[in-house]
PDB file of N, CA and C in Angstrom:
ATOM      1  N   MET A   1       5.442 -13.797  62.512  1.00  0.00           N
ATOM      2  CA  MET A   1       4.095 -14.343  62.836  1.00  0.00           C
ATOM      3  C   MET A   1       3.207 -14.142  61.513  1.00  0.00           C
ATOM      4  N   ASP A   2       3.215 -13.015  60.693  1.00  0.00           N
ATOM      5  CA  ASP A   2       2.408 -12.825  59.588  1.00  0.00           C
ATOM      6  C   ASP A   2       2.756 -13.966  58.511  1.00  0.00           C
ATOM      7  N   ASN A   3       4.057 -14.507  58.432  1.00  0.00           N
ATOM      8  CA  ASN A   3       4.247 -15.349  57.423  1.00  0.00           C
ATOM      9  C   ASN A   3       3.665 -16.744  57.703  1.00  0.00           C
ATOM     10  N   TYR A   4       3.353 -16.948  58.904  1.00  0.00           N
ATOM     11  CA  TYR A   4       2.769 -18.294  59.234  1.00  0.00           C
ATOM     12  C   TYR A   4       1.199 -18.349  59.229  1.00  0.00           C
ATOM     13  N   PHE A   5       0.681 -17.166  59.233  1.00  0.00           N
ATOM     14  CA  PHE A   5      -0.799 -17.143  59.263  1.00  0.00           C
ATOM     15  C   PHE A   5      -1.483 -17.998  57.986  1.00  0.00           C
ATOM     16  N   PRO A   6      -1.058 -17.648  56.733  1.00  0.00           N
ATOM     17  CA  PRO A   6      -1.729 -18.503  55.693  1.00  0.00           C
ATOM     18  C   PRO A   6      -1.540 -19.939  55.855  1.00  0.00           C
ATOM     19  N   TRP A   7      -0.302 -20.299  56.433  1.00  0.00           N
ATOM     20  CA  TRP A   7      -0.064 -21.786  56.673  1.00  0.00           C
ATOM     21  C   TRP A   7      -0.946 -22.386  57.728  1.00  0.00           C
ATOM     22  N   ILE A   8      -1.204 -21.649  58.778  1.00  0.00           N
ATOM     23  CA  ILE A   8      -2.097 -22.028  59.848  1.00  0.00           C
ATOM     24  C   ILE A   8      -3.558 -22.170  59.294  1.00  0.00           C
ATOM     25  N   VAL A   9      -3.990 -21.214  58.503  1.00  0.00           N
ATOM     26  CA  VAL A   9      -5.257 -21.344  57.968  1.00  0.00           C
ATOM     27  C   VAL A   9      -5.410 -22.507  56.998  1.00  0.00           C
ATOM     28  N   LEU A  10      -4.407 -22.679  56.204  1.00  0.00           N
ATOM     29  CA  LEU A  10      -4.417 -23.888  55.265  1.00  0.00           C
ATOM     30  C   LEU A  10      -4.488 -25.163  56.123  1.00  0.00           C
ATOM     31  N   ALA A  11      -3.736 -25.343  57.245  1.00  0.00           N
ATOM     32  CA  ALA A  11      -3.654 -26.524  57.988  1.00  0.00           C
ATOM     33  C   ALA A  11      -5.083 -26.771  58.600  1.00  0.00           C
ATOM     34  N   ILE A  12      -5.733 -25.720  59.063  1.00  0.00           N
ATOM     35  CA  ILE A  12      -7.090 -25.762  59.637  1.00  0.00           C
ATOM     36  C   ILE A  12      -8.060 -26.238  58.704  1.00  0.00           C
ATOM     37  N   LEU A  13      -7.958 -25.753  57.403  1.00  0.00           N
ATOM     38  CA  LEU A  13      -8.834 -26.024  56.410  1.00  0.00           C
ATOM     39  C   LEU A  13      -8.667 -27.490  55.842  1.00  0.00           C
ATOM     40  N   ILE A  14      -7.462 -27.930  55.884  1.00  0.00           N
ATOM     41  CA  ILE A  14      -7.243 -29.440  55.477  1.00  0.00           C
ATOM     42  C   ILE A  14      -7.822 -30.403  56.496  1.00  0.00           C
ATOM     43  N   VAL A  15      -7.512 -30.036  57.820  1.00  0.00           N
ATOM     44  CA  VAL A  15      -7.946 -30.932  58.892  1.00  0.00           C
ATOM     45  C   VAL A  15      -9.433 -30.943  58.926  1.00  0.00           C
ATOM     46  N   SER A  16     -10.084 -29.823  58.815  1.00  0.00           N
ATOM     47  CA  SER A  16     -11.707 -29.829  58.757  1.00  0.00           C
ATOM     48  C   SER A  16     -12.094 -30.620  57.544  1.00  0.00           C
ATOM     49  N   LEU A  17     -11.695 -30.535  56.438  1.00  0.00           N
ATOM     50  CA  LEU A  17     -12.100 -31.127  55.170  1.00  0.00           C
ATOM     51  C   LEU A  17     -11.919 -32.660  55.374  1.00  0.00           C
ATOM     52  N   ALA A  18     -10.690 -33.054  56.040  1.00  0.00           N
ATOM     53  CA  ALA A  18     -10.495 -34.626  56.064  1.00  0.00           C
ATOM     54  C   ALA A  18     -11.396 -35.138  57.074  1.00  0.00           C
ATOM     55  N   GLY A  19     -11.800 -34.375  58.123  1.00  0.00           N
ATOM     56  CA  GLY A  19     -12.712 -34.959  59.072  1.00  0.00           C
ATOM     57  C   GLY A  19     -14.202 -35.099  58.372  1.00  0.00           C
ATOM     58  N   GLY A  20     -14.449 -34.222  57.604  1.00  0.00           N
ATOM     59  CA  GLY A  20     -15.843 -34.205  56.867  1.00  0.00           C
ATOM     60  C   GLY A  20     -15.883 -35.296  55.895  1.00  0.00           C
ATOM     61  N   GLY A  21     -14.790 -35.674  55.193  1.00  0.00           N
ATOM     62  CA  GLY A  21     -14.777 -36.727  54.253  1.00  0.00           C
ATOM     63  C   GLY A  21     -15.053 -38.145  55.125  1.00  0.00           C
ATOM     64  N   ALA A  22     -14.505 -38.294  56.257  1.00  0.00           N
ATOM     65  CA  ALA A  22     -14.762 -39.509  57.056  1.00  0.00           C
ATOM     66  C   ALA A  22     -16.217 -39.580  57.437  1.00  0.00           C
ATOM     67  N   ASP A  23     -16.663 -38.545  57.810  1.00  0.00           N
ATOM     68  CA  ASP A  23     -18.157 -38.471  58.259  1.00  0.00           C
ATOM     69  C   ASP A  23     -19.024 -38.772  57.001  1.00  0.00           C
ATOM     70  N   THR A  24     -18.786 -38.297  55.980  1.00  0.00           N
ATOM     71  CA  THR A  24     -19.593 -38.579  54.676  1.00  0.00           C
ATOM     72  C   THR A  24     -19.495 -40.110  54.431  1.00  0.00           C
ATOM     73  N   ALA A  25     -18.376 -40.640  54.482  1.00  0.00           N
ATOM     74  CA  ALA A  25     -18.090 -41.916  54.121  1.00  0.00           C
ATOM     75  C   ALA A  25     -18.859 -42.984  55.157  1.00  0.00           C
ATOM     76  N   ARG A  26     -18.897 -42.549  56.380  1.00  0.00           N
ATOM     77  CA  ARG A  26     -19.650 -43.312  57.443  1.00  0.00           C
ATOM     78  C   ARG A  26     -21.109 -43.167  57.177  1.00  0.00           C
ATOM     79  N   ARG A  27     -21.629 -41.942  56.890  1.00  0.00           N
ATOM     80  CA  ARG A  27     -22.922 -41.894  56.641  1.00  0.00           C
ATOM     81  C   ARG A  27     -23.465 -42.564  55.435  1.00  0.00           C
ATOM     82  N   THR A  28     -22.657 -42.523  54.324  1.00  0.00           N
ATOM     83  CA  THR A  28     -22.843 -43.353  53.086  1.00  0.00           C
ATOM     84  C   THR A  28     -23.082 -44.866  53.468  1.00  0.00           C
ATOM     85  N   LYS A  29     -22.056 -45.289  54.199  1.00  0.00           N
ATOM     86  CA  LYS A  29     -22.101 -46.759  54.602  1.00  0.00           C
ATOM     87  C   LYS A  29     -23.400 -47.055  55.305  1.00  0.00           C
ATOM     88  N   LEU A  30     -23.793 -46.203  56.172  1.00  0.00           N
ATOM     89  CA  LEU A  30     -24.970 -46.520  56.968  1.00  0.00           C
ATOM     90  C   LEU A  30     -26.226 -46.441  56.054  1.00  0.00           C
ATOM     91  N   LEU A  31     -26.310 -45.567  55.156  1.00  0.00           N
ATOM     92  CA  LEU A  31     -27.366 -45.572  54.179  1.00  0.00           C
ATOM     93  C   LEU A  31     -27.459 -46.864  53.368  1.00  0.00           C
ATOM     94  N   ASP A  32     -26.263 -47.163  52.888  1.00  0.00           N
ATOM     95  CA  ASP A  32     -26.133 -48.322  51.988  1.00  0.00           C
ATOM     96  C   ASP A  32     -26.672 -49.568  52.798  1.00  0.00           C
ATOM     97  N   ARG A  33     -26.303 -49.746  54.071  1.00  0.00           N
ATOM     98  CA  ARG A  33     -26.816 -50.862  54.962  1.00  0.00           C
ATOM     99  C   ARG A  33     -28.283 -50.835  55.027  1.00  0.00           C
ATOM    100  N   ARG A  34     -28.802 -49.540  55.360  1.00  0.00           N
ATOM    101  CA  ARG A  34     -30.279 -49.346  55.507  1.00  0.00           C
ATOM    102  C   ARG A  34     -31.035 -49.660  54.313  1.00  0.00           C
ATOM    103  N   ILE A  35     -30.549 -49.296  53.073  1.00  0.00           N
ATOM    104  CA  ILE A  35     -31.126 -49.621  51.857  1.00  0.00           C
ATOM    105  C   ILE A  35     -31.134 -51.131  51.630  1.00  0.00           C
ATOM    106  N   GLN A  36     -30.019 -51.846  51.907  1.00  0.00           N
ATOM    107  CA  GLN A  36     -30.037 -53.354  51.797  1.00  0.00           C
ATOM    108  C   GLN A  36     -31.110 -54.011  52.645  1.00  0.00           C
ATOM    109  N   ARG A  37     -31.123 -53.494  53.936  1.00  0.00           N
ATOM    110  CA  ARG A  37     -32.161 -54.054  54.859  1.00  0.00           C
ATOM    111  C   ARG A  37     -33.597 -53.866  54.307  1.00  0.00           C
ATOM    112  N   LEU A  38     -33.752 -52.712  53.718  1.00  0.00           N
ATOM    113  CA  LEU A  38     -35.128 -52.328  53.173  1.00  0.00           C
ATOM    114  C   LEU A  38     -35.552 -53.243  51.951  1.00  0.00           C
ATOM    115  N   GLU A  39     -34.559 -53.442  51.099  1.00  0.00           N
ATOM    116  CA  GLU A  39     -34.713 -54.289  49.863  1.00  0.00           C
ATOM    117  C   GLU A  39     -34.947 -55.653  50.314  1.00  0.00           C
ATOM    118  N   HIS A  40     -34.232 -56.086  51.296  1.00  0.00           N
ATOM    119  CA  HIS A  40     -34.446 -57.460  51.883  1.00  0.00           C
ATOM    120  C   HIS A  40     -35.871 -57.715  52.336  1.00  0.00           C
ATOM    121  N   LYS A  41     -36.280 -56.749  53.124  1.00  0.00           N
ATOM    122  CA  LYS A  41     -37.720 -56.664  53.631  1.00  0.00           C
ATOM    123  C   LYS A  41     -38.741 -56.765  52.487  1.00  0.00           C
ATOM    124  N   VAL A  42     -38.409 -55.976  51.375  1.00  0.00           N
ATOM    125  CA  VAL A  42     -39.436 -55.994  50.319  1.00  0.00           C
ATOM    126  C   VAL A  42     -39.414 -57.228  49.579  1.00  0.00           C
ATOM    127  N   ASP A  43     -38.304 -57.921  49.449  1.00  0.00           N
ATOM    128  CA  ASP A  43     -38.157 -59.125  48.784  1.00  0.00           C
ATOM    129  C   ASP A  43     -38.895 -60.107  49.549  1.00  0.00           C
ATOM    130  N   LEU A  44     -38.866 -60.158  50.952  1.00  0.00           N
ATOM    131  CA  LEU A  44     -39.603 -61.035  51.783  1.00  0.00           C
ATOM    132  C   LEU A  44     -41.026 -60.960  51.644  1.00  0.00           C
ATOM    133  N   LEU A  45     -41.491 -59.744  51.698  1.00  0.00           N
ATOM    134  CA  LEU A  45     -42.815 -59.337  51.455  1.00  0.00           C
ATOM    135  C   LEU A  45     -43.375 -59.965  50.131  1.00  0.00           C
ATOM    136  N   LEU A  46     -42.723 -59.643  49.119  1.00  0.00           N
ATOM    137  CA  LEU A  46     -43.110 -60.143  47.814  1.00  0.00           C
ATOM    138  C   LEU A  46     -43.247 -61.699  47.732  1.00  0.00           C
ATOM    139  N   ALA A  47     -42.259 -62.233  48.294  1.00  0.00           N
ATOM    140  CA  ALA A  47     -42.160 -63.767  48.365  1.00  0.00           C
ATOM    141  C   ALA A  47     -43.293 -64.364  49.235  1.00  0.00           C
ATOM    142  N   ASN A  48     -43.629 -63.716  50.382  1.00  0.00           N
ATOM    143  CA  ASN A  48     -44.701 -64.095  51.227  1.00  0.00           C
ATOM    144  C   ASN A  48     -46.059 -64.035  50.589  1.00  0.00           C
ATOM    145  N   LEU A  49     -46.153 -62.930  49.740  1.00  0.00           N
ATOM    146  CA  LEU A  49     -47.467 -62.705  48.974  1.00  0.00           C
ATOM    147  C   LEU A  49     -47.497 -63.471  47.717  1.00  0.00           C
ATOM    148  N   GLY A  50     -46.374 -64.096  47.337  1.00  0.00           N
ATOM    149  CA  GLY A  50     -46.524 -64.825  46.208  1.00  0.00           C
ATOM    150  C   GLY A  50     -46.392 -63.892  44.850  1.00  0.00           C
ATOM    151  N   VAL A  51     -45.991 -62.807  45.070  1.00  0.00           N
ATOM    152  CA  VAL A  51     -45.894 -61.758  43.904  1.00  0.00           C
ATOM    153  C   VAL A  51     -44.531 -61.722  43.295  1.00  0.00           C
ATOM    154  N   GLU A  52     -44.431 -61.958  42.013  1.00  0.00           N
ATOM    155  CA  GLU A  52     -43.038 -61.744  41.379  1.00  0.00           C
ATOM    156  C   GLU A  52     -42.789 -60.459  40.768  1.00  0.00           C
ATOM    157  N   GLU A  53     -41.658 -59.991  40.782  1.00  0.00           N
ATOM    158  CA  GLU A  53     -41.307 -58.680  40.270  1.00  0.00           C
ATOM    159  C   GLU A  53     -41.367 -58.836  38.716  1.00  0.00           C
ATOM    160  N   PRO A  54     -42.035 -57.918  38.023  1.00  0.00           N
ATOM    161  CA  PRO A  54     -42.075 -58.026  36.536  1.00  0.00           C
ATOM    162  C   PRO A  54     -40.746 -57.990  35.951  1.00  0.00           C
ATOM    163  N   GLU A  55     -40.587 -58.732  34.961  1.00  0.00           N
ATOM    164  CA  GLU A  55     -39.137 -58.835  34.301  1.00  0.00           C
ATOM    165  C   GLU A  55     -38.856 -57.589  33.379  1.00  0.00           C
ATOM    166  N   ASP A  56     -37.777 -56.930  33.597  1.00  0.00           N
ATOM    167  CA  ASP A  56     -37.330 -55.837  32.823  1.00  0.00           C
ATOM    168  C   ASP A  56     -36.976 -56.445  31.403  1.00  0.00           C
ATOM    169  N   SER A  57     -37.380 -55.682  30.279  1.00  0.00           N
ATOM    170  CA  SER A  57     -37.092 -56.075  28.947  1.00  0.00           C
ATOM    171  C   SER A  57     -35.695 -56.092  28.733  1.00  0.00           C
ATOM    172  N   GLY A  58     -34.819 -55.428  29.365  1.00  0.00           N
ATOM    173  CA  GLY A  58     -33.404 -55.423  29.255  1.00  0.00           C
ATOM    174  C   GLY A  58     -32.783 -56.763  29.810  1.00  0.00           C
ATOM    175  N   MET A  59     -33.470 -57.377  30.657  1.00  0.00           N
ATOM    176  CA  MET A  59     -33.044 -58.632  31.257  1.00  0.00           C
ATOM    177  C   MET A  59     -32.960 -59.692  30.101  1.00  0.00           C
ATOM    178  N   ALA A  60     -33.950 -59.648  29.115  1.00  0.00           N
ATOM    179  CA  ALA A  60     -33.985 -60.646  28.064  1.00  0.00           C
ATOM    180  C   ALA A  60     -32.733 -60.406  27.246  1.00  0.00           C
ATOM    181  N   GLU A  61     -32.308 -59.198  27.149  1.00  0.00           N
ATOM    182  CA  GLU A  61     -31.055 -58.915  26.419  1.00  0.00           C
ATOM    183  C   GLU A  61     -29.827 -59.472  27.082  1.00  0.00           C
ATOM    184  N   ILE A  62     -29.832 -59.402  28.338  1.00  0.00           N
ATOM    185  CA  ILE A  62     -28.776 -59.994  29.140  1.00  0.00           C
ATOM    186  C   ILE A  62     -28.748 -61.415  28.962  1.00  0.00           C
ATOM    187  N   ASP A  63     -29.989 -62.089  29.018  1.00  0.00           N
ATOM    188  CA  ASP A  63     -29.979 -63.561  28.803  1.00  0.00           C
ATOM    189  C   ASP A  63     -29.466 -64.002  27.402  1.00  0.00           C
ATOM    190  N   GLU A  64     -29.815 -63.123  26.393  1.00  0.00           N
ATOM    191  CA  GLU A  64     -29.318 -63.534  25.074  1.00  0.00           C
ATOM    192  C   GLU A  64     -27.733 -63.448  25.072  1.00  0.00           C
ATOM    193  N   LEU A  65     -27.153 -62.279  25.713  1.00  0.00           N
ATOM    194  CA  LEU A  65     -25.808 -62.269  25.788  1.00  0.00           C
ATOM    195  C   LEU A  65     -25.231 -63.463  26.484  1.00  0.00           C
ATOM    196  N   LEU A  66     -25.760 -63.909  27.526  1.00  0.00           N
ATOM    197  CA  LEU A  66     -25.302 -65.159  28.152  1.00  0.00           C
ATOM    198  C   LEU A  66     -25.322 -66.294  27.339  1.00  0.00           C
ATOM    199  N   LEU A  67     -26.394 -66.464  26.580  1.00  0.00           N
ATOM    200  CA  LEU A  67     -26.552 -67.625  25.668  1.00  0.00           C
ATOM    201  C   LEU A  67     -25.351 -67.542  24.712  1.00  0.00           C
ATOM    202  N   GLN A  68     -24.897 -66.512  24.242  1.00  0.00           N
ATOM    203  CA  GLN A  68     -23.847 -66.301  23.226  1.00  0.00           C
ATOM    204  C   GLN A  68     -22.470 -66.372  24.113  1.00  0.00           C
ATOM    205  N   GLY A  69     -22.414 -66.528  25.280  1.00  0.00           N
ATOM    206  CA  GLY A  69     -21.102 -66.706  26.039  1.00  0.00           C
ATOM    207  C   GLY A  69     -20.531 -65.361  26.247  1.00  0.00           C
ATOM    208  N   LYS A  70     -21.244 -64.307  26.145  1.00  0.00           N
ATOM    209  CA  LYS A  70     -20.692 -62.962  26.440  1.00  0.00           C
ATOM    210  C   LYS A  70     -21.069 -62.454  27.767  1.00  0.00           C
ATOM    211  N   LYS A  71     -20.370 -62.994  28.841  1.00  0.00           N
ATOM    212  CA  LYS A  71     -20.625 -62.696  30.231  1.00  0.00           C
ATOM    213  C   LYS A  71     -20.259 -61.288  30.554  1.00  0.00           C
ATOM    214  N   ILE A  72     -19.172 -60.839  30.101  1.00  0.00           N
ATOM    215  CA  ILE A  72     -18.675 -59.500  30.404  1.00  0.00           C
ATOM    216  C   ILE A  72     -19.573 -58.421  29.921  1.00  0.00           C
ATOM    217  N   GLN A  73     -19.996 -58.547  28.675  1.00  0.00           N
ATOM    218  CA  GLN A  73     -20.802 -57.662  27.966  1.00  0.00           C
ATOM    219  C   GLN A  73     -22.307 -57.719  28.775  1.00  0.00           C
ATOM    220  N   ALA A  74     -22.645 -58.920  29.276  1.00  0.00           N
ATOM    221  CA  ALA A  74     -23.892 -58.915  30.057  1.00  0.00           C
ATOM    222  C   ALA A  74     -23.655 -58.230  31.429  1.00  0.00           C
ATOM    223  N   ILE A  75     -22.655 -58.240  31.969  1.00  0.00           N
ATOM    224  CA  ILE A  75     -22.458 -57.668  33.348  1.00  0.00           C
ATOM    225  C   ILE A  75     -22.399 -56.130  32.938  1.00  0.00           C
ATOM    226  N   LYS A  76     -21.699 -55.646  31.906  1.00  0.00           N
ATOM    227  CA  LYS A  76     -21.777 -54.272  31.509  1.00  0.00           C
ATOM    228  C   LYS A  76     -23.175 -53.818  31.306  1.00  0.00           C
ATOM    229  N   LEU A  77     -24.047 -54.496  30.656  1.00  0.00           N
ATOM    230  CA  LEU A  77     -25.453 -54.106  30.353  1.00  0.00           C
ATOM    231  C   LEU A  77     -26.191 -54.131  31.507  1.00  0.00           C
ATOM    232  N   HIS A  78     -26.029 -54.981  32.440  1.00  0.00           N
ATOM    233  CA  HIS A  78     -26.632 -55.070  33.728  1.00  0.00           C
ATOM    234  C   HIS A  78     -26.383 -53.716  34.538  1.00  0.00           C
ATOM    235  N   ARG A  79     -25.060 -53.351  34.460  1.00  0.00           N
ATOM    236  CA  ARG A  79     -24.823 -52.046  35.186  1.00  0.00           C
ATOM    237  C   ARG A  79     -25.486 -50.856  34.657  1.00  0.00           C
ATOM    238  N   GLU A  80     -25.483 -50.888  33.383  1.00  0.00           N
ATOM    239  CA  GLU A  80     -26.048 -49.758  32.695  1.00  0.00           C
ATOM    240  C   GLU A  80     -27.568 -49.667  32.978  1.00  0.00           C
ATOM    241  N   LEU A  81     -28.199 -50.864  32.945  1.00  0.00           N
ATOM    242  CA  LEU A  81     -29.734 -50.838  33.136  1.00  0.00           C
ATOM    243  C   LEU A  81     -30.095 -50.521  34.629  1.00  0.00           C
ATOM    244  N   THR A  82     -29.191 -51.011  35.486  1.00  0.00           N
ATOM    245  CA  THR A  82     -29.688 -50.965  37.056  1.00  0.00           C
ATOM    246  C   THR A  82     -28.950 -49.932  37.814  1.00  0.00           C
ATOM    247  N   GLY A  83     -27.734 -49.438  37.332  1.00  0.00           N
ATOM    248  CA  GLY A  83     -26.977 -48.537  38.071  1.00  0.00           C
ATOM    249  C   GLY A  83     -26.233 -49.231  39.163  1.00  0.00           C
ATOM    250  N   SER A  84     -26.178 -50.617  39.094  1.00  0.00           N
ATOM    251  CA  SER A  84     -25.313 -51.300  40.197  1.00  0.00           C
ATOM    252  C   SER A  84     -24.001 -51.276  40.117  1.00  0.00           C
ATOM    253  N   GLY A  85     -23.206 -51.673  41.074  1.00  0.00           N
ATOM    254  CA  GLY A  85     -21.835 -51.728  41.075  1.00  0.00           C
ATOM    255  C   GLY A  85     -21.401 -52.977  40.350  1.00  0.00           C
ATOM    256  N   LEU A  86     -20.031 -52.983  40.190  1.00  0.00           N
ATOM    257  CA  LEU A  86     -19.536 -54.154  39.501  1.00  0.00           C
ATOM    258  C   LEU A  86     -19.843 -55.445  40.228  1.00  0.00           C
ATOM    259  N   VAL A  87     -19.485 -55.566  41.447  1.00  0.00           N
ATOM    260  CA  VAL A  87     -19.664 -56.817  42.134  1.00  0.00           C
ATOM    261  C   VAL A  87     -21.160 -57.220  42.144  1.00  0.00           C
ATOM    262  N   GLU A  88     -22.047 -56.300  42.438  1.00  0.00           N
ATOM    263  CA  GLU A  88     -23.404 -56.648  42.479  1.00  0.00           C
ATOM    264  C   GLU A  88     -23.961 -57.005  40.935  1.00  0.00           C
ATOM    265  N   ALA A  89     -23.478 -56.420  40.040  1.00  0.00           N
ATOM    266  CA  ALA A  89     -23.932 -56.839  38.693  1.00  0.00           C
ATOM    267  C   ALA A  89     -23.363 -58.223  38.299  1.00  0.00           C
ATOM    268  N   LYS A  90     -21.998 -58.512  38.749  1.00  0.00           N
ATOM    269  CA  LYS A  90     -21.500 -59.793  38.359  1.00  0.00           C
ATOM    270  C   LYS A  90     -22.219 -60.917  39.073  1.00  0.00           C
ATOM    271  N   GLU A  91     -22.616 -60.629  40.478  1.00  0.00           N
ATOM    272  CA  GLU A  91     -23.487 -61.698  41.187  1.00  0.00           C
ATOM    273  C   GLU A  91     -24.801 -61.913  40.440  1.00  0.00           C
ATOM    274  N   ALA A  92     -25.326 -60.796  40.070  1.00  0.00           N
ATOM    275  CA  ALA A  92     -26.783 -60.889  39.469  1.00  0.00           C
ATOM    276  C   ALA A  92     -26.723 -61.667  38.108  1.00  0.00           C
ATOM    277  N   VAL A  93     -25.832 -61.365  37.427  1.00  0.00           N
ATOM    278  CA  VAL A  93     -25.621 -62.039  35.992  1.00  0.00           C
ATOM    279  C   VAL A  93     -25.314 -63.487  36.334  1.00  0.00           C
ATOM    280  N   GLU A  94     -24.422 -63.799  37.212  1.00  0.00           N
ATOM    281  CA  GLU A  94     -24.086 -65.188  37.591  1.00  0.00           C
ATOM    282  C   GLU A  94     -25.299 -65.966  38.190  1.00  0.00           C
ATOM    283  N   ARG A  95     -26.177 -65.292  38.826  1.00  0.00           N
ATOM    284  CA  ARG A  95     -27.505 -65.963  39.332  1.00  0.00           C
ATOM    285  C   ARG A  95     -28.352 -66.316  38.151  1.00  0.00           C
ATOM    286  N   ARG A  96     -28.283 -65.379  37.072  1.00  0.00           N
ATOM    287  CA  ARG A  96     -29.212 -65.612  35.785  1.00  0.00           C
ATOM    288  C   ARG A  96     -28.611 -66.795  34.999  1.00  0.00           C
ATOM    289  N   MET A  97     -27.265 -67.116  35.244  1.00  0.00           N
ATOM    290  CA  MET A  97     -26.675 -68.159  34.414  1.00  0.00           C
ATOM    291  C   MET A  97     -27.063 -69.485  34.900  1.00  0.00           C
ATOM    292  N   ARG A  98     -27.558 -69.599  36.224  1.00  0.00           N
ATOM    293  CA  ARG A  98     -27.999 -70.937  36.835  1.00  0.00           C
ATOM    294  C   ARG A  98     -29.073 -71.453  36.301  1.00  0.00           C
TER     295      ARG A  98
END
């Protein structure tokens, strides 16, 4: 029985950590959705009030990269400036290209 004790403790530890990881992922997903909803509401309020968000000086650099045909570098710079993910940065840069 003494030989199995460390293995039992290890198994319990692994199961508890695995369950905690799923809970953290679920909470993160919920927080991401909440942030997206709040950002959407702020965008609607700004649009309703006729207020435009001030342009970040780094965005001019992104526009310059796009004029040079350097889309990948523009996406990389957008990620550095905003901390956004790859998909979000790609979509934002492509919106600027229109």
